[in-house]
PDB file of N, CA and C in Angstrom:
ATOM      1  N   MET A   1      10.688  -2.527  18.956  1.00  0.00           N
ATOM      2  CA  MET A   1      10.121  -1.954  17.593  1.00  0.00           C
ATOM      3  C   MET A   1       8.607  -1.853  17.709  1.00  0.00           C
ATOM      4  N   THR A   2       8.099  -0.580  17.093  1.00  0.00           N
ATOM      5  CA  THR A   2       6.755  -0.090  17.608  1.00  0.00           C
ATOM      6  C   THR A   2       5.678  -1.051  16.401  1.00  0.00           C
ATOM      7  N   GLU A   3       4.379  -0.820  16.321  1.00  0.00           N
ATOM      8  CA  GLU A   3       3.628  -1.618  15.333  1.00  0.00           C
ATOM      9  C   GLU A   3       3.684  -0.842  14.516  1.00  0.00           C
ATOM     10  N   LYS A   4       3.944   0.108  13.791  1.00  0.00           N
ATOM     11  CA  LYS A   4       3.969   1.014  12.851  1.00  0.00           C
ATOM     12  C   LYS A   4       5.328   0.583  12.269  1.00  0.00           C
ATOM     13  N   ASP A   5       6.518   0.201  12.682  1.00  0.00           N
ATOM     14  CA  ASP A   5       7.584  -0.013  12.113  1.00  0.00           C
ATOM     15  C   ASP A   5       7.470  -1.466  11.923  1.00  0.00           C
ATOM     16  N   ILE A   6       6.786  -2.590  12.382  1.00  0.00           N
ATOM     17  CA  ILE A   6       6.487  -3.831  12.479  1.00  0.00           C
ATOM     18  C   ILE A   6       5.807  -4.006  10.613  1.00  0.00           C
ATOM     19  N   MET A   7       4.845  -3.041  10.917  1.00  0.00           N
ATOM     20  CA  MET A   7       3.786  -3.066   9.676  1.00  0.00           C
ATOM     21  C   MET A   7       4.171  -2.689   8.506  1.00  0.00           C
ATOM     22  N   ASN A   8       5.326  -1.792   8.447  1.00  0.00           N
ATOM     23  CA  ASN A   8       6.145  -1.151   7.372  1.00  0.00           C
ATOM     24  C   ASN A   8       7.236  -2.281   6.871  1.00  0.00           C
ATOM     25  N   ASP A   9       7.945  -2.637   7.899  1.00  0.00           N
ATOM     26  CA  ASP A   9       8.683  -3.955   7.418  1.00  0.00           C
ATOM     27  C   ASP A   9       7.810  -4.985   6.833  1.00  0.00           C
ATOM     28  N   TYR A  10       6.993  -5.297   7.223  1.00  0.00           N
ATOM     29  CA  TYR A  10       6.130  -6.296   6.765  1.00  0.00           C
ATOM     30  C   TYR A  10       5.457  -6.174   5.226  1.00  0.00           C
ATOM     31  N   LEU A  11       4.893  -4.897   5.304  1.00  0.00           N
ATOM     32  CA  LEU A  11       4.785  -4.308   3.519  1.00  0.00           C
ATOM     33  C   LEU A  11       5.864  -4.635   2.914  1.00  0.00           C
ATOM     34  N   SER A  12       7.041  -3.921   3.553  1.00  0.00           N
ATOM     35  CA  SER A  12       8.353  -4.280   2.575  1.00  0.00           C
ATOM     36  C   SER A  12       8.572  -5.657   2.027  1.00  0.00           C
ATOM     37  N   MET A  13       8.521  -6.446   2.732  1.00  0.00           N
ATOM     38  CA  MET A  13       8.697  -7.962   2.719  1.00  0.00           C
ATOM     39  C   MET A  13       7.698  -8.064   1.754  1.00  0.00           C
ATOM     40  N   ILE A  14       6.598  -8.138   1.639  1.00  0.00           N
ATOM     41  CA  ILE A  14       5.695  -8.725   0.875  1.00  0.00           C
ATOM     42  C   ILE A  14       5.839  -7.760  -0.606  1.00  0.00           C
ATOM     43  N   LYS A  15       6.191  -6.731  -0.548  1.00  0.00           N
ATOM     44  CA  LYS A  15       6.694  -5.711  -1.802  1.00  0.00           C
ATOM     45  C   LYS A  15       7.820  -6.646  -2.197  1.00  0.00           C
ATOM     46  N   GLY A  16       8.750  -6.684  -1.657  1.00  0.00           N
ATOM     47  CA  GLY A  16      10.020  -8.036  -2.188  1.00  0.00           C
ATOM     48  C   GLY A  16       9.391  -9.133  -2.693  1.00  0.00           C
ATOM     49  N   SER A  17       8.339 -10.015  -2.279  1.00  0.00           N
ATOM     50  CA  SER A  17       8.126 -11.132  -2.804  1.00  0.00           C
ATOM     51  C   SER A  17       7.154 -10.990  -3.968  1.00  0.00           C
ATOM     52  N   LEU A  18       6.480  -9.881  -3.789  1.00  0.00           N
ATOM     53  CA  LEU A  18       5.795  -9.688  -5.368  1.00  0.00           C
ATOM     54  C   LEU A  18       6.557  -9.509  -6.455  1.00  0.00           C
ATOM     55  N   THR A  19       7.750  -8.754  -6.457  1.00  0.00           N
ATOM     56  CA  THR A  19       8.507  -8.715  -7.310  1.00  0.00           C
ATOM     57  C   THR A  19       9.334  -9.902  -7.771  1.00  0.00           C
ATOM     58  N   GLY A  20       9.352 -10.717  -6.840  1.00  0.00           N
ATOM     59  CA  GLY A  20       9.888 -12.156  -6.882  1.00  0.00           C
ATOM     60  C   GLY A  20       9.049 -13.002  -7.680  1.00  0.00           C
ATOM     61  N   TYR A  21       8.037 -13.181  -7.056  1.00  0.00           N
ATOM     62  CA  TYR A  21       7.046 -13.557  -8.081  1.00  0.00           C
ATOM     63  C   TYR A  21       7.046 -13.057  -9.584  1.00  0.00           C
ATOM     64  N   ALA A  22       6.856 -12.019  -9.728  1.00  0.00           N
ATOM     65  CA  ALA A  22       6.716 -11.507 -11.038  1.00  0.00           C
ATOM     66  C   ALA A  22       7.881 -11.925 -12.025  1.00  0.00           C
ATOM     67  N   ALA A  23       9.207 -12.048 -11.767  1.00  0.00           N
ATOM     68  CA  ALA A  23      10.356 -12.429 -12.396  1.00  0.00           C
ATOM     69  C   ALA A  23      10.024 -14.127 -12.406  1.00  0.00           C
ATOM     70  N   VAL A  24       9.730 -15.014 -11.376  1.00  0.00           N
ATOM     71  CA  VAL A  24       9.707 -16.306 -11.578  1.00  0.00           C
ATOM     72  C   VAL A  24       8.077 -16.783 -12.604  1.00  0.00           C
ATOM     73  N   ILE A  25       7.109 -15.936 -12.299  1.00  0.00           N
ATOM     74  CA  ILE A  25       6.130 -16.241 -13.166  1.00  0.00           C
ATOM     75  C   ILE A  25       6.678 -15.778 -14.863  1.00  0.00           C
ATOM     76  N   SER A  26       7.376 -15.064 -14.759  1.00  0.00           N
ATOM     77  CA  SER A  26       7.513 -14.881 -16.524  1.00  0.00           C
ATOM     78  C   SER A  26       8.788 -15.729 -16.643  1.00  0.00           C
ATOM     79  N   GLU A  27       9.455 -16.516 -15.901  1.00  0.00           N
ATOM     80  CA  GLU A  27      10.389 -17.088 -16.525  1.00  0.00           C
ATOM     81  C   GLU A  27      10.018 -18.904 -16.341  1.00  0.00           C
ATOM     82  N   THR A  28       8.599 -19.224 -15.723  1.00  0.00           N
ATOM     83  CA  THR A  28       8.116 -20.539 -15.448  1.00  0.00           C
ATOM     84  C   THR A  28       7.386 -21.058 -16.940  1.00  0.00           C
ATOM     85  N   ASP A  29       7.822 -22.135 -17.268  1.00  0.00           N
ATOM     86  CA  ASP A  29       7.250 -22.784 -18.735  1.00  0.00           C
ATOM     87  C   ASP A  29       6.289 -23.895 -18.239  1.00  0.00           C
ATOM     88  N   ASN A  30       6.457 -24.292 -16.788  1.00  0.00           N
ATOM     89  CA  ASN A  30       5.471 -25.446 -16.514  1.00  0.00           C
ATOM     90  C   ASN A  30       4.135 -24.672 -15.981  1.00  0.00           C
ATOM     91  N   PRO A  31       3.133 -24.988 -16.711  1.00  0.00           N
ATOM     92  CA  PRO A  31       1.807 -24.462 -16.604  1.00  0.00           C
ATOM     93  C   PRO A  31       1.044 -24.307 -15.105  1.00  0.00           C
ATOM     94  N   GLN A  32       1.221 -25.719 -14.522  1.00  0.00           N
ATOM     95  CA  GLN A  32       0.856 -25.909 -13.538  1.00  0.00           C
ATOM     96  C   GLN A  32       1.853 -25.458 -12.318  1.00  0.00           C
ATOM     97  N   LEU A  33       3.157 -24.971 -12.320  1.00  0.00           N
ATOM     98  CA  LEU A  33       3.782 -24.434 -11.417  1.00  0.00           C
ATOM     99  C   LEU A  33       3.854 -22.847 -11.476  1.00  0.00           C
ATOM    100  N   ARG A  34       3.191 -22.513 -12.805  1.00  0.00           N
ATOM    101  CA  ARG A  34       3.206 -21.009 -13.281  1.00  0.00           C
ATOM    102  C   ARG A  34       2.029 -20.680 -12.349  1.00  0.00           C
ATOM    103  N   GLN A  35       0.613 -21.536 -12.419  1.00  0.00           N
ATOM    104  CA  GLN A  35      -0.294 -21.324 -11.885  1.00  0.00           C
ATOM    105  C   GLN A  35      -0.157 -21.268 -10.236  1.00  0.00           C
ATOM    106  N   THR A  36       0.796 -22.051  -9.811  1.00  0.00           N
ATOM    107  CA  THR A  36       0.927 -22.161  -8.397  1.00  0.00           C
ATOM    108  C   THR A  36       1.336 -20.905  -7.801  1.00  0.00           C
ATOM    109  N   PHE A  37       2.600 -20.477  -8.699  1.00  0.00           N
ATOM    110  CA  PHE A  37       3.077 -19.051  -8.364  1.00  0.00           C
ATOM    111  C   PHE A  37       1.997 -17.976  -8.469  1.00  0.00           C
ATOM    112  N   GLN A  38       1.275 -18.229  -9.555  1.00  0.00           N
ATOM    113  CA  GLN A  38       0.347 -16.967  -9.677  1.00  0.00           C
ATOM    114  C   GLN A  38      -0.712 -16.928  -8.504  1.00  0.00           C
ATOM    115  N   GLU A  39      -1.257 -17.898  -7.948  1.00  0.00           N
ATOM    116  CA  GLU A  39      -2.061 -18.313  -6.973  1.00  0.00           C
ATOM    117  C   GLU A  39      -1.219 -17.751  -5.608  1.00  0.00           C
ATOM    118  N   MET A  40      -0.237 -17.546  -5.485  1.00  0.00           N
ATOM    119  CA  MET A  40       0.718 -17.308  -4.131  1.00  0.00           C
ATOM    120  C   MET A  40       1.083 -15.945  -4.055  1.00  0.00           C
ATOM    121  N   ARG A  41       1.199 -15.395  -5.407  1.00  0.00           N
ATOM    122  CA  ARG A  41       1.291 -14.023  -5.950  1.00  0.00           C
ATOM    123  C   ARG A  41      -0.054 -13.210  -5.494  1.00  0.00           C
ATOM    124  N   ASN A  42      -1.127 -13.854  -5.912  1.00  0.00           N
ATOM    125  CA  ASN A  42      -2.320 -13.265  -5.578  1.00  0.00           C
ATOM    126  C   ASN A  42      -3.156 -13.274  -4.029  1.00  0.00           C
ATOM    127  N   MET A  43      -2.364 -14.349  -3.405  1.00  0.00           N
ATOM    128  CA  MET A  43      -2.571 -14.439  -1.877  1.00  0.00           C
ATOM    129  C   MET A  43      -1.884 -13.234  -1.397  1.00  0.00           C
ATOM    130  N   ASP A  44      -0.491 -12.803  -1.598  1.00  0.00           N
ATOM    131  CA  ASP A  44       0.183 -12.195  -0.917  1.00  0.00           C
ATOM    132  C   ASP A  44      -0.349 -10.755  -1.489  1.00  0.00           C
ATOM    133  N   GLU A  45      -0.816 -10.532  -2.872  1.00  0.00           N
ATOM    134  CA  GLU A  45      -1.389  -9.151  -3.160  1.00  0.00           C
ATOM    135  C   GLU A  45      -2.600  -9.039  -2.379  1.00  0.00           C
ATOM    136  N   GLN A  46      -3.467  -9.713  -1.960  1.00  0.00           N
ATOM    137  CA  GLN A  46      -4.472  -9.633  -0.669  1.00  0.00           C
ATOM    138  C   GLN A  46      -4.352  -9.408   0.716  1.00  0.00           C
ATOM    139  N   ARG A  47      -3.185 -10.109   1.037  1.00  0.00           N
ATOM    140  CA  ARG A  47      -2.459  -9.676   2.404  1.00  0.00           C
ATOM    141  C   ARG A  47      -2.200  -8.366   2.198  1.00  0.00           C
ATOM    142  N   GLN A  48      -1.239  -8.078   1.642  1.00  0.00           N
ATOM    143  CA  GLN A  48      -0.657  -6.896   1.639  1.00  0.00           C
ATOM    144  C   GLN A  48      -1.815  -5.684   1.588  1.00  0.00           C
ATOM    145  N   TYR A  49      -2.867  -5.811   0.827  1.00  0.00           N
ATOM    146  CA  TYR A  49      -3.890  -4.758   0.403  1.00  0.00           C
ATOM    147  C   TYR A  49      -4.476  -4.785   2.280  1.00  0.00           C
ATOM    148  N   LYS A  50      -4.522  -5.747   2.718  1.00  0.00           N
ATOM    149  CA  LYS A  50      -5.286  -5.760   4.182  1.00  0.00           C
ATOM    150  C   LYS A  50      -4.433  -5.274   5.131  1.00  0.00           C
ATOM    151  N   VAL A  51      -3.209  -5.527   4.849  1.00  0.00           N
ATOM    152  CA  VAL A  51      -2.078  -4.831   5.983  1.00  0.00           C
ATOM    153  C   VAL A  51      -1.946  -3.197   5.617  1.00  0.00           C
ATOM    154  N   TYR A  52      -1.949  -2.972   4.228  1.00  0.00           N
ATOM    155  CA  TYR A  52      -2.281  -1.435   4.069  1.00  0.00           C
ATOM    156  C   TYR A  52      -3.349  -0.717   4.308  1.00  0.00           C
ATOM    157  N   GLN A  53      -4.669  -1.146   4.450  1.00  0.00           N
ATOM    158  CA  GLN A  53      -5.669  -0.826   4.855  1.00  0.00           C
ATOM    159  C   GLN A  53      -5.444  -0.690   6.408  1.00  0.00           C
ATOM    160  N   THR A  54      -5.222  -1.468   7.133  1.00  0.00           N
ATOM    161  CA  THR A  54      -5.142  -1.295   8.517  1.00  0.00           C
ATOM    162  C   THR A  54      -3.862  -0.284   8.767  1.00  0.00           C
ATOM    163  N   ALA A  55      -2.822  -0.109   8.228  1.00  0.00           N
ATOM    164  CA  ALA A  55      -1.842   0.779   8.297  1.00  0.00           C
ATOM    165  C   ALA A  55      -2.396   2.445   7.963  1.00  0.00           C
ATOM    166  N   LYS A  56      -3.173   2.338   7.097  1.00  0.00           N
ATOM    167  CA  LYS A  56      -3.880   3.747   6.949  1.00  0.00           C
ATOM    168  C   LYS A  56      -4.624   4.042   7.668  1.00  0.00           C
ATOM    169  N   GLN A  57      -5.470   3.029   8.175  1.00  0.00           N
ATOM    170  CA  GLN A  57      -6.832   3.508   9.203  1.00  0.00           C
ATOM    171  C   GLN A  57      -6.030   3.808  10.715  1.00  0.00           C
ATOM    172  N   LYS A  58      -5.021   3.076  11.004  1.00  0.00           N
ATOM    173  CA  LYS A  58      -4.654   3.919  12.095  1.00  0.00           C
ATOM    174  C   LYS A  58      -3.317   5.208  12.369  1.00  0.00           C
ATOM    175  N   GLY A  59      -3.396   5.416  10.852  1.00  0.00           N
ATOM    176  CA  GLY A  59      -2.583   6.545  10.075  1.00  0.00           C
ATOM    177  C   GLY A  59      -0.953   6.284  10.210  1.00  0.00           C
ATOM    178  N   TYR A  60      -0.589   5.016  10.261  1.00  0.00           N
ATOM    179  CA  TYR A  60       0.821   4.972   9.803  1.00  0.00           C
ATOM    180  C   TYR A  60       0.999   5.355   8.693  1.00  0.00           C
ATOM    181  N   TYR A  61       0.181   5.288   7.505  1.00  0.00           N
ATOM    182  CA  TYR A  61       0.483   5.630   5.967  1.00  0.00           C
ATOM    183  C   TYR A  61      -0.459   6.601   5.581  1.00  0.00           C
ATOM    184  N   GLN A  62      -0.041   7.305   4.698  1.00  0.00           N
ATOM    185  CA  GLN A  62      -0.844   8.380   4.412  1.00  0.00           C
ATOM    186  C   GLN A  62      -0.420   8.313   2.560  1.00  0.00           C
ATOM    187  N   PRO A  63      -1.449   7.897   1.960  1.00  0.00           N
ATOM    188  CA  PRO A  63      -1.279   7.687   0.723  1.00  0.00           C
ATOM    189  C   PRO A  63      -1.200   9.107  -0.264  1.00  0.00           C
ATOM    190  N   ALA A  64      -0.255   8.975  -1.464  1.00  0.00           N
ATOM    191  CA  ALA A  64      -0.582  10.427  -2.182  1.00  0.00           C
ATOM    192  C   ALA A  64      -1.864  10.771  -2.732  1.00  0.00           C
ATOM    193  N   GLN A  65      -1.853  11.764  -3.165  1.00  0.00           N
ATOM    194  CA  GLN A  65      -3.162  12.194  -3.725  1.00  0.00           C
ATOM    195  C   GLN A  65      -3.528  11.560  -4.834  1.00  0.00           C
ATOM    196  N   PRO A  66      -4.967  11.484  -5.302  1.00  0.00           N
ATOM    197  CA  PRO A  66      -5.337  10.565  -6.315  1.00  0.00           C
ATOM    198  C   PRO A  66      -5.011  11.456  -7.342  1.00  0.00           C
ATOM    199  N   ALA A  67      -4.584  10.731  -8.726  1.00  0.00           N
ATOM    200  CA  ALA A  67      -4.716  11.126  -9.883  1.00  0.00           C
ATOM    201  C   ALA A  67      -5.852  12.146 -10.187  1.00  0.00           C
ATOM    202  N   THR A  68      -5.664  13.171 -11.118  1.00  0.00           N
ATOM    203  CA  THR A  68      -6.838  13.972 -11.726  1.00  0.00           C
ATOM    204  C   THR A  68      -7.165  12.928 -13.198  1.00  0.00           C
ATOM    205  N   ALA A  69      -8.166  13.280 -13.527  1.00  0.00           N
ATOM    206  CA  ALA A  69      -8.687  12.903 -15.045  1.00  0.00           C
ATOM    207  C   ALA A  69      -7.640  13.387 -16.049  1.00  0.00           C
ATOM    208  N   ASN A  70      -6.863  14.664 -15.755  1.00  0.00           N
ATOM    209  CA  ASN A  70      -6.279  15.193 -16.765  1.00  0.00           C
ATOM    210  C   ASN A  70      -4.724  13.974 -16.722  1.00  0.00           C
ATOM    211  N   ASP A  71      -4.324  13.819 -15.497  1.00  0.00           N
ATOM    212  CA  ASP A  71      -2.932  13.300 -15.466  1.00  0.00           C
ATOM    213  C   ASP A  71      -3.519  11.565 -15.638  1.00  0.00           C
ATOM    214  N   ILE A  72      -4.349  11.177 -15.599  1.00  0.00           N
ATOM    215  CA  ILE A  72      -4.579   9.745 -16.160  1.00  0.00           C
ATOM    216  C   ILE A  72      -4.691   9.777 -17.676  1.00  0.00           C
ATOM    217  N   THR A  73      -5.357  10.867 -18.273  1.00  0.00           N
ATOM    218  CA  THR A  73      -5.438  10.953 -19.780  1.00  0.00           C
ATOM    219  C   THR A  73      -3.631  11.158 -20.128  1.00  0.00           C
ATOM    220  N   LEU A  74      -2.910  11.821 -19.777  1.00  0.00           N
ATOM    221  CA  LEU A  74      -1.708  12.209 -20.158  1.00  0.00           C
ATOM    222  C   LEU A  74      -0.935  10.981 -19.934  1.00  0.00           C
ATOM    223  N   ILE A  75      -1.161  10.267 -18.942  1.00  0.00           N
ATOM    224  CA  ILE A  75      -0.064   8.812 -18.518  1.00  0.00           C
ATOM    225  C   ILE A  75      -0.497   7.963 -19.897  1.00  0.00           C
ATOM    226  N   LYS A  76      -2.002   7.783 -20.344  1.00  0.00           N
ATOM    227  CA  LYS A  76      -2.578   6.808 -21.312  1.00  0.00           C
ATOM    228  C   LYS A  76      -1.819   7.248 -22.777  1.00  0.00           C
ATOM    229  N   ASN A  77      -1.870   8.491 -22.788  1.00  0.00           N
ATOM    230  CA  ASN A  77      -1.243   8.789 -24.084  1.00  0.00           C
ATOM    231  C   ASN A  77       0.135   8.783 -24.128  1.00  0.00           C
ATOM    232  N   GLN A  78       0.875   8.815 -23.427  1.00  0.00           N
ATOM    233  CA  GLN A  78       2.381   8.744 -23.264  1.00  0.00           C
ATOM    234  C   GLN A  78       2.506   7.272 -23.443  1.00  0.00           C
ATOM    235  N   LEU A  79       1.856   6.122 -22.936  1.00  0.00           N
ATOM    236  CA  LEU A  79       1.963   4.920 -22.637  1.00  0.00           C
ATOM    237  C   LEU A  79       1.617   4.246 -24.053  1.00  0.00           C
ATOM    238  N   SER A  80       0.783   4.995 -24.852  1.00  0.00           N
ATOM    239  CA  SER A  80       0.136   4.482 -25.986  1.00  0.00           C
ATOM    240  C   SER A  80       1.115   4.831 -27.420  1.00  0.00           C
ATOM    241  N   GLN A  81       1.817   5.686 -26.960  1.00  0.00           N
ATOM    242  CA  GLN A  81       2.686   6.026 -27.849  1.00  0.00           C
ATOM    243  C   GLN A  81       3.922   5.373 -27.861  1.00  0.00           C
ATOM    244  N   GLY A  82       4.565   4.610 -27.140  1.00  0.00           N
ATOM    245  CA  GLY A  82       5.402   3.457 -27.178  1.00  0.00           C
ATOM    246  C   GLY A  82       6.438   4.012 -26.425  1.00  0.00           C
TER     247      GLY A  82
END
């Protein structure tokens, strides 16, 4: 495996864990356990962002073009309409 493959696999694994945390957090009634999962999720989000930045810097990842102000306004309007 190349470094690029390893980084992409790792990013995919973190993405999966973040999805799992969202489900667990929303279903957890115990406040202390919920907070623990939230902290774990936050750490994974920070880790994901660091790996993403490295992948981007090395040219392994090309982000999409930034949204325009008009695009953002359109999405906000659509979401606020329910």
